[in-house]
Amino acid sequence: RGIFAVLAAAVLCSPVVLTSSASASGPGAT
């Protein structure tokens, strides 16, 4: 339960990269 709580906090709000322009290797890299 503790593992899933930490995982949910870190991951579930993570947006999915949709296009190359929004990807980490594109102009909009985070």
All heavy atoms as atom14 arrays in JSON, in Angstrom:
{
  "sequence": "RGIFAVLAAAVLCSPVVLTSSASASGPGAT",
  "atom14_mask": [
    [1, 1, 1, 1, 1, 1, 1, 1, 1, 1, 1, 0, 0, 0],
    [1, 1, 1, 1, 0, 0, 0, 0, 0, 0, 0, 0, 0, 0],
    [1, 1, 1, 1, 1, 1, 1, 1, 0, 0, 0, 0, 0, 0],
    [1, 1, 1, 1, 1, 1, 1, 1, 1, 1, 1, 0, 0, 0],
    [1, 1, 1, 1, 1, 0, 0, 0, 0, 0, 0, 0, 0, 0],
    [1, 1, 1, 1, 1, 1, 1, 0, 0, 0, 0, 0, 0, 0],
    [1, 1, 1, 1, 1, 1, 1, 1, 0, 0, 0, 0, 0, 0],
    [1, 1, 1, 1, 1, 0, 0, 0, 0, 0, 0, 0, 0, 0],
    [1, 1, 1, 1, 1, 0, 0, 0, 0, 0, 0, 0, 0, 0],
    [1, 1, 1, 1, 1, 0, 0, 0, 0, 0, 0, 0, 0, 0],
    [1, 1, 1, 1, 1, 1, 1, 0, 0, 0, 0, 0, 0, 0],
    [1, 1, 1, 1, 1, 1, 1, 1, 0, 0, 0, 0, 0, 0],
    [1, 1, 1, 1, 1, 1, 0, 0, 0, 0, 0, 0, 0, 0],
    [1, 1, 1, 1, 1, 1, 0, 0, 0, 0, 0, 0, 0, 0],
    [1, 1, 1, 1, 1, 1, 1, 0, 0, 0, 0, 0, 0, 0],
    [1, 1, 1, 1, 1, 1, 1, 0, 0, 0, 0, 0, 0, 0],
    [1, 1, 1, 1, 1, 1, 1, 0, 0, 0, 0, 0, 0, 0],
    [1, 1, 1, 1, 1, 1, 1, 1, 0, 0, 0, 0, 0, 0],
    [1, 1, 1, 1, 1, 1, 1, 0, 0, 0, 0, 0, 0, 0],
    [1, 1, 1, 1, 1, 1, 0, 0, 0, 0, 0, 0, 0, 0],
    [1, 1, 1, 1, 1, 1, 0, 0, 0, 0, 0, 0, 0, 0],
    [1, 1, 1, 1, 1, 0, 0, 0, 0, 0, 0, 0, 0, 0],
    [1, 1, 1, 1, 1, 1, 0, 0, 0, 0, 0, 0, 0, 0],
    [1, 1, 1, 1, 1, 0, 0, 0, 0, 0, 0, 0, 0, 0],
    [1, 1, 1, 1, 1, 1, 0, 0, 0, 0, 0, 0, 0, 0],
    [1, 1, 1, 1, 0, 0, 0, 0, 0, 0, 0, 0, 0, 0],
    [1, 1, 1, 1, 1, 1, 1, 0, 0, 0, 0, 0, 0, 0],
    [1, 1, 1, 1, 0, 0, 0, 0, 0, 0, 0, 0, 0, 0],
    [1, 1, 1, 1, 1, 0, 0, 0, 0, 0, 0, 0, 0, 0],
    [1, 1, 1, 1, 1, 1, 1, 0, 0, 0, 0, 0, 0, 0]
  ],
  "atom14_positions": [
    [[0.82, -1.2, 0.0], [0.0, 0.0, 0.0], [0.86, 1.25, 0.0], [0.58, 2.23, -0.68], [-0.92, -0.01, 1.21], [-1.89, 1.15, 1.26], [-2.85, 1.01, 2.43], [-3.63, -0.23, 2.32], [-4.47, -0.66, 3.26], [-4.61, 0.02, 4.39], [-5.14, -1.77, 3.07], [0.0, 0.0, 0.0], [0.0, 0.0, 0.0], [0.0, 0.0, 0.0]],
    [[1.96, 1.2, 0.79], [2.85, 2.35, 0.83], [3.54, 2.59, -0.49], [3.72, 3.73, -0.92], [0.0, 0.0, 0.0], [0.0, 0.0, 0.0], [0.0, 0.0, 0.0], [0.0, 0.0, 0.0], [0.0, 0.0, 0.0], [0.0, 0.0, 0.0], [0.0, 0.0, 0.0], [0.0, 0.0, 0.0], [0.0, 0.0, 0.0], [0.0, 0.0, 0.0]],
    [[3.94, 1.51, -1.15], [4.59, 1.64, -2.45], [3.65, 2.3, -3.45], [4.03, 3.22, -4.18], [5.02, 0.25, -2.96], [6.12, -0.33, -2.07], [5.51, 0.34, -4.4], [6.49, -1.73, -2.41], [0.0, 0.0, 0.0], [0.0, 0.0, 0.0], [0.0, 0.0, 0.0], [0.0, 0.0, 0.0], [0.0, 0.0, 0.0], [0.0, 0.0, 0.0]],
    [[2.41, 1.85, -3.48], [1.47, 2.4, -4.44], [1.14, 3.85, -4.14], [0.91, 4.65, -5.04], [0.19, 1.56, -4.49], [0.29, 0.38, -5.39], [0.67, -0.86, -4.9], [0.05, 0.51, -6.74], [0.79, -1.95, -5.75], [0.17, -0.58, -7.6], [0.54, -1.82, -7.09], [0.0, 0.0, 0.0], [0.0, 0.0, 0.0], [0.0, 0.0, 0.0]],
    [[1.13, 4.23, -2.87], [0.86, 5.62, -2.52], [1.96, 6.54, -3.06], [1.69, 7.6, -3.63], [0.74, 5.77, -1.0], [0.0, 0.0, 0.0], [0.0, 0.0, 0.0], [0.0, 0.0, 0.0], [0.0, 0.0, 0.0], [0.0, 0.0, 0.0], [0.0, 0.0, 0.0], [0.0, 0.0, 0.0], [0.0, 0.0, 0.0], [0.0, 0.0, 0.0]],
    [[3.2, 6.12, -2.87], [4.32, 6.91, -3.39], [4.28, 6.96, -4.9], [4.49, 8.0, -5.53], [5.66, 6.33, -2.89], [6.83, 7.04, -3.56], [5.77, 6.46, -1.38], [0.0, 0.0, 0.0], [0.0, 0.0, 0.0], [0.0, 0.0, 0.0], [0.0, 0.0, 0.0], [0.0, 0.0, 0.0], [0.0, 0.0, 0.0], [0.0, 0.0, 0.0]],
    [[4.02, 5.81, -5.52], [3.98, 5.74, -6.97], [2.89, 6.64, -7.53], [3.12, 7.38, -8.49], [3.76, 4.3, -7.41], [3.63, 4.07, -8.92], [4.94, 4.43, -9.6], [3.27, 2.63, -9.21], [0.0, 0.0, 0.0], [0.0, 0.0, 0.0], [0.0, 0.0, 0.0], [0.0, 0.0, 0.0], [0.0, 0.0, 0.0], [0.0, 0.0, 0.0]],
    [[1.72, 6.59, -6.92], [0.61, 7.4, -7.41], [0.94, 8.88, -7.34], [0.64, 9.65, -8.26], [-0.65, 7.09, -6.61], [0.0, 0.0, 0.0], [0.0, 0.0, 0.0], [0.0, 0.0, 0.0], [0.0, 0.0, 0.0], [0.0, 0.0, 0.0], [0.0, 0.0, 0.0], [0.0, 0.0, 0.0], [0.0, 0.0, 0.0], [0.0, 0.0, 0.0]],
    [[1.57, 9.28, -6.26], [1.91, 10.7, -6.11], [2.89, 11.17, -7.16], [2.81, 12.3, -7.65], [2.49, 10.94, -4.71], [0.0, 0.0, 0.0], [0.0, 0.0, 0.0], [0.0, 0.0, 0.0], [0.0, 0.0, 0.0], [0.0, 0.0, 0.0], [0.0, 0.0, 0.0], [0.0, 0.0, 0.0], [0.0, 0.0, 0.0], [0.0, 0.0, 0.0]],
    [[3.81, 10.29, -7.53], [4.85, 10.69, -8.48], [4.46, 10.5, -9.93], [4.94, 11.22, -10.8], [6.13, 9.89, -8.19], [0.0, 0.0, 0.0], [0.0, 0.0, 0.0], [0.0, 0.0, 0.0], [0.0, 0.0, 0.0], [0.0, 0.0, 0.0], [0.0, 0.0, 0.0], [0.0, 0.0, 0.0], [0.0, 0.0, 0.0], [0.0, 0.0, 0.0]],
    [[3.58, 9.52, -10.19], [3.39, 9.08, -11.57], [2.04, 9.43, -12.16], [1.94, 9.88, -13.3], [3.62, 7.56, -11.67], [3.3, 7.06, -13.06], [5.05, 7.21, -11.3], [0.0, 0.0, 0.0], [0.0, 0.0, 0.0], [0.0, 0.0, 0.0], [0.0, 0.0, 0.0], [0.0, 0.0, 0.0], [0.0, 0.0, 0.0], [0.0, 0.0, 0.0]],
    [[0.98, 9.23, -11.43], [-0.34, 9.24, -12.04], [-0.73, 10.6, -12.59], [-1.59, 10.69, -13.46], [-1.4, 8.76, -11.04], [-1.27, 7.28, -10.67], [-2.46, 6.85, -9.88], [-1.12, 6.42, -11.9], [0.0, 0.0, 0.0], [0.0, 0.0, 0.0], [0.0, 0.0, 0.0], [0.0, 0.0, 0.0], [0.0, 0.0, 0.0], [0.0, 0.0, 0.0]],
    [[-0.12, 11.65, -12.1], [-0.4, 12.98, -12.66], [0.53, 13.3, -13.81], [0.46, 14.37, -14.39], [-0.26, 14.06, -11.58], [-1.49, 13.92, -10.28], [0.0, 0.0, 0.0], [0.0, 0.0, 0.0], [0.0, 0.0, 0.0], [0.0, 0.0, 0.0], [0.0, 0.0, 0.0], [0.0, 0.0, 0.0], [0.0, 0.0, 0.0], [0.0, 0.0, 0.0]],
    [[1.39, 12.36, -14.15], [2.38, 12.6, -15.19], [1.71, 12.6, -16.56], [1.08, 11.63, -16.95], [3.44, 11.5, -15.15], [4.37, 11.65, -16.18], [0.0, 0.0, 0.0], [0.0, 0.0, 0.0], [0.0, 0.0, 0.0], [0.0, 0.0, 0.0], [0.0, 0.0, 0.0], [0.0, 0.0, 0.0], [0.0, 0.0, 0.0], [0.0, 0.0, 0.0]],
    [[1.84, 13.69, -17.32], [1.22, 13.72, -18.64], [1.95, 12.81, -19.61], [3.15, 12.61, -19.51], [1.38, 15.19, -19.06], [2.6, 15.66, -18.34], [2.59, 14.92, -17.03], [0.0, 0.0, 0.0], [0.0, 0.0, 0.0], [0.0, 0.0, 0.0], [0.0, 0.0, 0.0], [0.0, 0.0, 0.0], [0.0, 0.0, 0.0], [0.0, 0.0, 0.0]],
    [[1.22, 12.23, -20.53], [1.82, 11.41, -21.57], [2.32, 12.31, -22.68], [1.63, 13.23, -23.1], [0.8, 10.4, -22.11], [1.4, 9.58, -23.23], [0.31, 9.49, -21.0], [0.0, 0.0, 0.0], [0.0, 0.0, 0.0], [0.0, 0.0, 0.0], [0.0, 0.0, 0.0], [0.0, 0.0, 0.0], [0.0, 0.0, 0.0], [0.0, 0.0, 0.0]],
    [[3.54, 12.05, -23.14], [4.07, 12.84, -24.25], [3.28, 12.5, -25.51], [3.19, 11.35, -25.91], [5.57, 12.55, -24.45], [6.1, 13.32, -25.62], [6.33, 12.91, -23.18], [0.0, 0.0, 0.0], [0.0, 0.0, 0.0], [0.0, 0.0, 0.0], [0.0, 0.0, 0.0], [0.0, 0.0, 0.0], [0.0, 0.0, 0.0], [0.0, 0.0, 0.0]],
    [[2.74, 13.52, -26.17], [1.82, 13.27, -27.26], [2.43, 13.48, -28.63], [2.16, 12.76, -29.56], [0.6, 14.19, -27.11], [-0.13, 14.1, -25.77], [-1.33, 15.03, -25.79], [-0.57, 12.68, -25.48], [0.0, 0.0, 0.0], [0.0, 0.0, 0.0], [0.0, 0.0, 0.0], [0.0, 0.0, 0.0], [0.0, 0.0, 0.0], [0.0, 0.0, 0.0]],
    [[3.24, 14.46, -28.78], [3.78, 14.79, -30.09], [5.28, 15.02, -29.97], [5.8, 15.27, -28.88], [3.14, 16.08, -30.66], [3.48, 17.17, -29.81], [1.63, 15.95, -30.72], [0.0, 0.0, 0.0], [0.0, 0.0, 0.0], [0.0, 0.0, 0.0], [0.0, 0.0, 0.0], [0.0, 0.0, 0.0], [0.0, 0.0, 0.0], [0.0, 0.0, 0.0]],
    [[5.95, 14.98, -31.12], [7.39, 15.17, -31.09], [7.75, 16.55, -30.56], [8.78, 16.75, -29.94], [7.97, 14.97, -32.49], [7.39, 15.86, -33.41], [0.0, 0.0, 0.0], [0.0, 0.0, 0.0], [0.0, 0.0, 0.0], [0.0, 0.0, 0.0], [0.0, 0.0, 0.0], [0.0, 0.0, 0.0], [0.0, 0.0, 0.0], [0.0, 0.0, 0.0]],
    [[6.92, 17.55, -30.8], [7.23, 18.89, -30.32], [7.14, 18.98, -28.82], [7.74, 19.85, -28.19], [6.27, 19.91, -30.94], [4.94, 19.64, -30.55], [0.0, 0.0, 0.0], [0.0, 0.0, 0.0], [0.0, 0.0, 0.0], [0.0, 0.0, 0.0], [0.0, 0.0, 0.0], [0.0, 0.0, 0.0], [0.0, 0.0, 0.0], [0.0, 0.0, 0.0]],
    [[6.39, 18.07, -28.21], [6.25, 18.08, -26.76], [7.15, 17.06, -26.1], [7.2, 16.96, -24.89], [4.8, 17.79, -26.36], [0.0, 0.0, 0.0], [0.0, 0.0, 0.0], [0.0, 0.0, 0.0], [0.0, 0.0, 0.0], [0.0, 0.0, 0.0], [0.0, 0.0, 0.0], [0.0, 0.0, 0.0], [0.0, 0.0, 0.0], [0.0, 0.0, 0.0]],
    [[7.85, 16.29, -26.92], [8.68, 15.23, -26.35], [9.95, 15.82, -25.77], [10.33, 16.95, -26.03], [9.03, 14.2, -27.42], [9.99, 14.71, -28.3], [0.0, 0.0, 0.0], [0.0, 0.0, 0.0], [0.0, 0.0, 0.0], [0.0, 0.0, 0.0], [0.0, 0.0, 0.0], [0.0, 0.0, 0.0], [0.0, 0.0, 0.0], [0.0, 0.0, 0.0]],
    [[10.64, 14.98, -24.99], [11.85, 15.46, -24.33], [12.94, 15.79, -25.32], [13.86, 16.52, -25.0], [12.34, 14.4, -23.34], [0.0, 0.0, 0.0], [0.0, 0.0, 0.0], [0.0, 0.0, 0.0], [0.0, 0.0, 0.0], [0.0, 0.0, 0.0], [0.0, 0.0, 0.0], [0.0, 0.0, 0.0], [0.0, 0.0, 0.0], [0.0, 0.0, 0.0]],
    [[12.87, 15.27, -26.51], [13.92, 15.55, -27.48], [13.51, 16.63, -28.47], [14.24, 16.94, -29.4], [14.28, 14.26, -28.23], [13.14, 13.7, -28.82], [0.0, 0.0, 0.0], [0.0, 0.0, 0.0], [0.0, 0.0, 0.0], [0.0, 0.0, 0.0], [0.0, 0.0, 0.0], [0.0, 0.0, 0.0], [0.0, 0.0, 0.0], [0.0, 0.0, 0.0]],
    [[12.37, 17.22, -28.27], [11.89, 18.25, -29.16], [12.1, 19.63, -28.6], [12.66, 19.83, -27.53], [0.0, 0.0, 0.0], [0.0, 0.0, 0.0], [0.0, 0.0, 0.0], [0.0, 0.0, 0.0], [0.0, 0.0, 0.0], [0.0, 0.0, 0.0], [0.0, 0.0, 0.0], [0.0, 0.0, 0.0], [0.0, 0.0, 0.0], [0.0, 0.0, 0.0]],
    [[11.61, 20.69, -29.3], [11.82, 22.06, -28.88], [11.22, 22.36, -27.52], [11.68, 23.23, -26.81], [11.13, 22.88, -29.98], [11.0, 21.95, -31.13], [10.9, 20.58, -30.56], [0.0, 0.0, 0.0], [0.0, 0.0, 0.0], [0.0, 0.0, 0.0], [0.0, 0.0, 0.0], [0.0, 0.0, 0.0], [0.0, 0.0, 0.0], [0.0, 0.0, 0.0]],
    [[10.16, 21.64, -27.14], [9.5, 21.92, -25.87], [10.01, 21.04, -24.75], [9.28, 20.75, -23.81], [0.0, 0.0, 0.0], [0.0, 0.0, 0.0], [0.0, 0.0, 0.0], [0.0, 0.0, 0.0], [0.0, 0.0, 0.0], [0.0, 0.0, 0.0], [0.0, 0.0, 0.0], [0.0, 0.0, 0.0], [0.0, 0.0, 0.0], [0.0, 0.0, 0.0]],
    [[11.27, 20.61, -24.81], [11.8, 19.68, -23.84], [11.73, 20.24, -22.44], [11.98, 21.43, -22.21], [13.26, 19.34, -24.19], [0.0, 0.0, 0.0], [0.0, 0.0, 0.0], [0.0, 0.0, 0.0], [0.0, 0.0, 0.0], [0.0, 0.0, 0.0], [0.0, 0.0, 0.0], [0.0, 0.0, 0.0], [0.0, 0.0, 0.0], [0.0, 0.0, 0.0]],
    [[11.38, 19.39, -21.47], [11.34, 19.8, -20.09], [12.75, 19.82, -19.52], [13.61, 19.04, -19.91], [10.48, 18.85, -19.27], [10.97, 17.52, -19.44], [9.03, 18.9, -19.73], [0.0, 0.0, 0.0], [0.0, 0.0, 0.0], [0.0, 0.0, 0.0], [0.0, 0.0, 0.0], [0.0, 0.0, 0.0], [0.0, 0.0, 0.0], [0.0, 0.0, 0.0]]
  ]
}
